[in-house]
Amino acid sequence: KGGGCLLYSVRPEALAILTNEDRIALQSIYRHRCLNEEQLARYCYNELDTGENDYTLMRIRALVDAGFLEIHEYGNDQKCVFYLTHMGVQFIRDISSDPLYVMDSKGVHRKYEATAGMLKMTDNLLDHQTQLNTLSLEIIRRCNLDPASYKDSMFSTNFTYAQPDGVLELPGFDIFLEMDMGHERTSAL
């Protein structure tokens, strides 16, 4: 227990199944809140997935079975995204080089940047999120940027004057990403 929030330990047998690409996939899902199978194949497992060998699907199944991911279906056409579970978020905390929490004002309790529940979104926002994720992942890939430079709106708290959907934090300047799909209130813009 710590800071009013249960800490989950990652089981050694679960850690044993992880590949380097799985670690990249889990970190990407954390940064982007959720990813779909196509995004995982194109941006995380691209060197091993031929498009015909079901490699990405095989790794997703392994991550779900090990307890790192959960499947979320939404919409009438049963689209699907993957979220981190509590154990998946704990794994990200364990491997992160930077603390993913801030201390309370007394310096006693940790307030985590995100929990598994905080990463989840309502179904009506998931099409927006998957489009935003594709945009940010493609910019990162094409410009050869550090994936950690991307912050979803949930993590980009440095801006009091704007609340973009996502931010690429680069040396000397920031690039705001905004995906307009008609979901936002005019007052929020």
C-alpha atoms as a PDB file:
ATOM      1  CA  LYS A   1       0.000   0.000   0.000  1.00  0.00           C
ATOM      2  CA  GLY A   2       1.182   3.523  -0.678  1.00  0.00           C
ATOM      3  CA  GLY A   3      -0.465   6.905  -0.843  1.00  0.00           C
ATOM      4  CA  GLY A   4      -3.998   5.593  -0.482  1.00  0.00           C
ATOM      5  CA  CYS A   5      -3.659   3.443  -3.570  1.00  0.00           C
ATOM      6  CA  LEU A   6      -2.956  -0.263  -3.781  1.00  0.00           C
ATOM      7  CA  LEU A   7       0.305  -1.134  -5.434  1.00  0.00           C
ATOM      8  CA  TYR A   8       0.239  -4.194  -7.625  1.00  0.00           C
ATOM      9  CA  SER A   9       3.263  -6.371  -7.960  1.00  0.00           C
ATOM     10  CA  VAL A  10       4.172  -7.799 -11.307  1.00  0.00           C
ATOM     11  CA  ARG A  11       4.444 -11.571 -11.054  1.00  0.00           C
ATOM     12  CA  PRO A  12       7.842 -13.003 -12.083  1.00  0.00           C
ATOM     13  CA  GLU A  13       6.171 -15.500 -14.433  1.00  0.00           C
ATOM     14  CA  ALA A  14       4.420 -12.583 -16.186  1.00  0.00           C
ATOM     15  CA  LEU A  15       7.719 -10.715 -16.579  1.00  0.00           C
ATOM     16  CA  ALA A  16       9.301 -13.810 -18.107  1.00  0.00           C
ATOM     17  CA  ILE A  17       7.032 -13.694 -21.178  1.00  0.00           C
ATOM     18  CA  LEU A  18       7.846 -10.090 -22.112  1.00  0.00           C
ATOM     19  CA  THR A  19       9.812  -9.289 -25.245  1.00  0.00           C
ATOM     20  CA  ASN A  20      11.505  -5.951 -25.893  1.00  0.00           C
ATOM     21  CA  GLU A  21       8.680  -5.131 -28.318  1.00  0.00           C
ATOM     22  CA  ASP A  22       6.118  -5.938 -25.595  1.00  0.00           C
ATOM     23  CA  ARG A  23       7.808  -3.406 -23.318  1.00  0.00           C
ATOM     24  CA  ILE A  24       7.608  -0.797 -26.098  1.00  0.00           C
ATOM     25  CA  ALA A  25       3.943  -1.680 -26.674  1.00  0.00           C
ATOM     26  CA  LEU A  26       3.070  -1.367 -22.976  1.00  0.00           C
ATOM     27  CA  GLN A  27       4.850   1.986 -22.727  1.00  0.00           C
ATOM     28  CA  SER A  28       3.052   3.218 -25.853  1.00  0.00           C
ATOM     29  CA  ILE A  29      -0.325   2.151 -24.506  1.00  0.00           C
ATOM     30  CA  TYR A  30       0.407   4.029 -21.276  1.00  0.00           C
ATOM     31  CA  ARG A  31       1.471   7.226 -23.102  1.00  0.00           C
ATOM     32  CA  HIS A  32      -1.496   7.121 -25.490  1.00  0.00           C
ATOM     33  CA  ARG A  33      -4.033   5.732 -22.957  1.00  0.00           C
ATOM     34  CA  CYS A  34      -5.101   2.960 -25.344  1.00  0.00           C
ATOM     35  CA  LEU A  35      -4.059   1.526 -28.696  1.00  0.00           C
ATOM     36  CA  ASN A  36      -5.757  -0.746 -31.205  1.00  0.00           C
ATOM     37  CA  GLU A  37      -4.322  -3.812 -32.960  1.00  0.00           C
ATOM     38  CA  GLU A  38      -3.429  -1.908 -36.135  1.00  0.00           C
ATOM     39  CA  GLN A  39      -1.468   0.709 -34.157  1.00  0.00           C
ATOM     40  CA  LEU A  40       0.375  -1.959 -32.195  1.00  0.00           C
ATOM     41  CA  ALA A  41       1.272  -3.795 -35.417  1.00  0.00           C
ATOM     42  CA  ARG A  42       2.467  -0.674 -37.249  1.00  0.00           C
ATOM     43  CA  TYR A  43       4.317   1.137 -34.461  1.00  0.00           C
ATOM     44  CA  CYS A  44       5.399  -1.496 -31.911  1.00  0.00           C
ATOM     45  CA  TYR A  45       5.668  -4.903 -33.599  1.00  0.00           C
ATOM     46  CA  ASN A  46       6.382  -3.654 -37.135  1.00  0.00           C
ATOM     47  CA  GLU A  47       9.733  -5.418 -37.487  1.00  0.00           C
ATOM     48  CA  LEU A  48       8.289  -8.818 -36.578  1.00  0.00           C
ATOM     49  CA  ASP A  49       4.756  -8.656 -37.958  1.00  0.00           C
ATOM     50  CA  THR A  50       4.655  -9.527 -41.659  1.00  0.00           C
ATOM     51  CA  GLY A  51       0.941  -8.854 -41.889  1.00  0.00           C
ATOM     52  CA  GLU A  52       0.356 -12.542 -42.484  1.00  0.00           C
ATOM     53  CA  ASN A  53       1.898 -14.186 -39.434  1.00  0.00           C
ATOM     54  CA  ASP A  54      -0.509 -12.811 -36.770  1.00  0.00           C
ATOM     55  CA  TYR A  55       2.527 -11.861 -34.648  1.00  0.00           C
ATOM     56  CA  THR A  56       0.844  -8.799 -33.120  1.00  0.00           C
ATOM     57  CA  LEU A  57      -2.290 -10.747 -32.277  1.00  0.00           C
ATOM     58  CA  MET A  58      -0.189 -13.510 -30.725  1.00  0.00           C
ATOM     59  CA  ARG A  59       1.654 -10.975 -28.527  1.00  0.00           C
ATOM     60  CA  ILE A  60      -1.604  -9.225 -27.556  1.00  0.00           C
ATOM     61  CA  ARG A  61      -3.061 -12.568 -26.463  1.00  0.00           C
ATOM     62  CA  ALA A  62       0.068 -13.277 -24.400  1.00  0.00           C
ATOM     63  CA  LEU A  63      -0.133  -9.827 -22.734  1.00  0.00           C
ATOM     64  CA  VAL A  64      -3.841 -10.285 -21.977  1.00  0.00           C
ATOM     65  CA  ASP A  65      -3.282 -13.817 -20.609  1.00  0.00           C
ATOM     66  CA  ALA A  66      -0.362 -12.600 -18.453  1.00  0.00           C
ATOM     67  CA  GLY A  67      -2.533  -9.841 -16.990  1.00  0.00           C
ATOM     68  CA  PHE A  68      -0.895  -6.733 -18.521  1.00  0.00           C
ATOM     69  CA  LEU A  69      -3.690  -5.774 -20.933  1.00  0.00           C
ATOM     70  CA  GLU A  70      -7.436  -5.820 -21.106  1.00  0.00           C
ATOM     71  CA  ILE A  71      -9.563  -5.805 -24.241  1.00  0.00           C
ATOM     72  CA  HIS A  72     -12.283  -3.190 -24.635  1.00  0.00           C
ATOM     73  CA  GLU A  73     -14.835  -3.496 -27.433  1.00  0.00           C
ATOM     74  CA  TYR A  74     -16.992  -0.516 -28.317  1.00  0.00           C
ATOM     75  CA  GLY A  75     -19.395   0.726 -30.960  1.00  0.00           C
ATOM     76  CA  ASN A  76     -21.936  -1.105 -33.062  1.00  0.00           C
ATOM     77  CA  ASP A  77     -19.219  -2.541 -35.301  1.00  0.00           C
ATOM     78  CA  GLN A  78     -17.280  -3.877 -32.278  1.00  0.00           C
ATOM     79  CA  LYS A  79     -14.089  -1.872 -32.639  1.00  0.00           C
ATOM     80  CA  CYS A  80     -11.463  -2.799 -30.116  1.00  0.00           C
ATOM     81  CA  VAL A  81      -8.789  -1.023 -28.072  1.00  0.00           C
ATOM     82  CA  PHE A  82      -6.406  -2.309 -25.445  1.00  0.00           C
ATOM     83  CA  TYR A  83      -5.950  -0.730 -22.032  1.00  0.00           C
ATOM     84  CA  LEU A  84      -3.344  -1.442 -19.388  1.00  0.00           C
ATOM     85  CA  THR A  85      -4.549  -3.321 -16.333  1.00  0.00           C
ATOM     86  CA  HIS A  86      -3.440  -2.414 -12.801  1.00  0.00           C
ATOM     87  CA  MET A  87      -0.513  -4.789 -13.245  1.00  0.00           C
ATOM     88  CA  GLY A  88       0.315  -3.213 -16.625  1.00  0.00           C
ATOM     89  CA  VAL A  89       0.438   0.254 -15.066  1.00  0.00           C
ATOM     90  CA  GLN A  90       2.577  -1.073 -12.196  1.00  0.00           C
ATOM     91  CA  PHE A  91       5.005  -2.532 -14.744  1.00  0.00           C
ATOM     92  CA  ILE A  92       5.324   0.907 -16.393  1.00  0.00           C
ATOM     93  CA  ARG A  93       5.975   2.471 -12.980  1.00  0.00           C
ATOM     94  CA  ASP A  94       8.612  -0.164 -12.253  1.00  0.00           C
ATOM     95  CA  ILE A  95      10.561   0.380 -15.493  1.00  0.00           C
ATOM     96  CA  SER A  96      10.189   4.142 -15.797  1.00  0.00           C
ATOM     97  CA  SER A  97      13.388   6.126 -15.454  1.00  0.00           C
ATOM     98  CA  ASP A  98      11.355   9.102 -14.182  1.00  0.00           C
ATOM     99  CA  PRO A  99       8.961   8.985 -11.250  1.00  0.00           C
ATOM    100  CA  LEU A 100       5.354   8.748 -12.423  1.00  0.00           C
ATOM    101  CA  TYR A 101       4.055  10.436  -9.295  1.00  0.00           C
ATOM    102  CA  VAL A 102       4.250  13.625  -7.284  1.00  0.00           C
ATOM    103  CA  MET A 103       4.416  13.782  -3.514  1.00  0.00           C
ATOM    104  CA  ASP A 104       1.657  15.429  -1.539  1.00  0.00           C
ATOM    105  CA  SER A 105       2.318  18.764   0.181  1.00  0.00           C
ATOM    106  CA  LYS A 106       3.595  16.986   3.316  1.00  0.00           C
ATOM    107  CA  GLY A 107       5.915  14.755   1.312  1.00  0.00           C
ATOM    108  CA  VAL A 108       4.259  11.643   2.730  1.00  0.00           C
ATOM    109  CA  HIS A 109       1.957  10.193   0.061  1.00  0.00           C
ATOM    110  CA  ARG A 110       2.460   9.600  -3.632  1.00  0.00           C
ATOM    111  CA  LYS A 111      -0.135  10.808  -6.128  1.00  0.00           C
ATOM    112  CA  TYR A 112       0.309   8.779  -9.277  1.00  0.00           C
ATOM    113  CA  GLU A 113       0.165  10.373 -12.699  1.00  0.00           C
ATOM    114  CA  ALA A 114      -2.266   7.708 -13.873  1.00  0.00           C
ATOM    115  CA  THR A 115      -3.939   4.576 -12.646  1.00  0.00           C
ATOM    116  CA  ALA A 116      -5.470   1.910 -14.851  1.00  0.00           C
ATOM    117  CA  GLY A 117      -8.901   3.405 -14.218  1.00  0.00           C
ATOM    118  CA  MET A 118      -7.758   6.921 -15.094  1.00  0.00           C
ATOM    119  CA  LEU A 119      -6.463   5.778 -18.496  1.00  0.00           C
ATOM    120  CA  LYS A 120      -9.897   4.543 -19.547  1.00  0.00           C
ATOM    121  CA  MET A 121     -12.175   6.739 -21.609  1.00  0.00           C
ATOM    122  CA  THR A 122     -15.862   6.738 -22.438  1.00  0.00           C
ATOM    123  CA  ASP A 123     -16.766   4.892 -25.617  1.00  0.00           C
ATOM    124  CA  ASN A 124     -17.909   8.054 -27.411  1.00  0.00           C
ATOM    125  CA  LEU A 125     -14.326   9.426 -27.199  1.00  0.00           C
ATOM    126  CA  LEU A 126     -12.488   6.333 -28.413  1.00  0.00           C
ATOM    127  CA  ASP A 127     -12.696   7.047 -32.165  1.00  0.00           C
ATOM    128  CA  HIS A 128     -11.233  10.499 -31.433  1.00  0.00           C
ATOM    129  CA  GLN A 129      -8.508   8.973 -29.273  1.00  0.00           C
ATOM    130  CA  THR A 130      -7.524   6.333 -31.824  1.00  0.00           C
ATOM    131  CA  GLN A 131      -7.256   8.989 -34.562  1.00  0.00           C
ATOM    132  CA  LEU A 132      -5.154  11.205 -32.280  1.00  0.00           C
ATOM    133  CA  ASN A 133      -2.966   8.227 -31.397  1.00  0.00           C
ATOM    134  CA  THR A 134      -2.387   7.393 -35.072  1.00  0.00           C
ATOM    135  CA  LEU A 135      -1.428  11.019 -35.770  1.00  0.00           C
ATOM    136  CA  SER A 136       1.013  11.255 -32.861  1.00  0.00           C
ATOM    137  CA  LEU A 137       2.560   7.833 -33.516  1.00  0.00           C
ATOM    138  CA  GLU A 138       3.044   8.663 -37.200  1.00  0.00           C
ATOM    139  CA  ILE A 139       4.696  12.018 -36.403  1.00  0.00           C
ATOM    140  CA  ILE A 140       7.000  10.311 -33.915  1.00  0.00           C
ATOM    141  CA  ARG A 141       7.889   7.623 -36.493  1.00  0.00           C
ATOM    142  CA  ARG A 142       8.394   9.936 -39.476  1.00  0.00           C
ATOM    143  CA  CYS A 143      10.396  12.533 -37.532  1.00  0.00           C
ATOM    144  CA  ASN A 144      12.347   9.909 -35.578  1.00  0.00           C
ATOM    145  CA  LEU A 145      11.371  11.492 -32.260  1.00  0.00           C
ATOM    146  CA  ASP A 146      11.752  10.040 -28.799  1.00  0.00           C
ATOM    147  CA  PRO A 147       8.367   8.432 -28.026  1.00  0.00           C
ATOM    148  CA  ALA A 148       8.548   9.942 -24.532  1.00  0.00           C
ATOM    149  CA  SER A 149       8.260  13.424 -26.087  1.00  0.00           C
ATOM    150  CA  TYR A 150       4.530  12.801 -26.643  1.00  0.00           C
ATOM    151  CA  LYS A 151       2.109  13.619 -23.842  1.00  0.00           C
ATOM    152  CA  ASP A 152      -1.601  12.902 -24.023  1.00  0.00           C
ATOM    153  CA  SER A 153      -3.788  15.679 -22.600  1.00  0.00           C
ATOM    154  CA  MET A 154      -4.028  13.639 -19.407  1.00  0.00           C
ATOM    155  CA  PHE A 155      -0.282  14.051 -18.886  1.00  0.00           C
ATOM    156  CA  SER A 156       0.324  17.534 -20.330  1.00  0.00           C
ATOM    157  CA  THR A 157      -0.312  19.742 -17.326  1.00  0.00           C
ATOM    158  CA  ASN A 158       2.230  22.462 -18.118  1.00  0.00           C
ATOM    159  CA  PHE A 159      -0.216  24.600 -20.066  1.00  0.00           C
ATOM    160  CA  THR A 160      -2.538  26.964 -18.245  1.00  0.00           C
ATOM    161  CA  TYR A 161      -3.490  28.818 -21.422  1.00  0.00           C
ATOM    162  CA  ALA A 162      -4.549  25.832 -23.542  1.00  0.00           C
ATOM    163  CA  GLN A 163      -5.619  22.224 -23.181  1.00  0.00           C
ATOM    164  CA  PRO A 164      -4.595  20.449 -26.388  1.00  0.00           C
ATOM    165  CA  ASP A 165      -5.511  16.817 -27.071  1.00  0.00           C
ATOM    166  CA  GLY A 166      -1.817  15.988 -27.036  1.00  0.00           C
ATOM    167  CA  VAL A 167       1.572  17.671 -27.034  1.00  0.00           C
ATOM    168  CA  LEU A 168       4.931  16.870 -28.550  1.00  0.00           C
ATOM    169  CA  GLU A 169       7.379  18.414 -26.084  1.00  0.00           C
ATOM    170  CA  LEU A 170      10.533  19.161 -28.039  1.00  0.00           C
ATOM    171  CA  PRO A 171      13.656  21.080 -26.993  1.00  0.00           C
ATOM    172  CA  GLY A 172      12.803  24.774 -27.146  1.00  0.00           C
ATOM    173  CA  PHE A 173       9.175  24.444 -28.244  1.00  0.00           C
ATOM    174  CA  ASP A 174       6.009  22.400 -28.016  1.00  0.00           C
ATOM    175  CA  ILE A 175       3.700  21.228 -30.770  1.00  0.00           C
ATOM    176  CA  PHE A 176       0.038  21.046 -29.806  1.00  0.00           C
ATOM    177  CA  LEU A 177      -1.990  18.278 -31.419  1.00  0.00           C
ATOM    178  CA  GLU A 178      -5.702  18.835 -31.745  1.00  0.00           C
ATOM    179  CA  MET A 179      -8.105  16.398 -33.369  1.00  0.00           C
ATOM    180  CA  ASP A 180     -11.474  17.940 -34.174  1.00  0.00           C
ATOM    181  CA  MET A 181     -14.228  15.365 -34.524  1.00  0.00           C
ATOM    182  CA  GLY A 182     -17.043  17.488 -33.140  1.00  0.00           C
ATOM    183  CA  HIS A 183     -16.934  16.028 -29.603  1.00  0.00           C
ATOM    184  CA  GLU A 184     -15.705  19.054 -27.692  1.00  0.00           C
ATOM    185  CA  ARG A 185     -17.829  21.774 -26.186  1.00  0.00           C
ATOM    186  CA  THR A 186     -17.232  25.203 -27.710  1.00  0.00           C
ATOM    187  CA  SER A 187     -16.371  26.543 -24.253  1.00  0.00           C
ATOM    188  CA  ALA A 188     -13.548  23.978 -23.960  1.00  0.00           C
ATOM    189  CA  LEU A 189     -11.910  25.248 -27.147  1.00  0.00           C
END
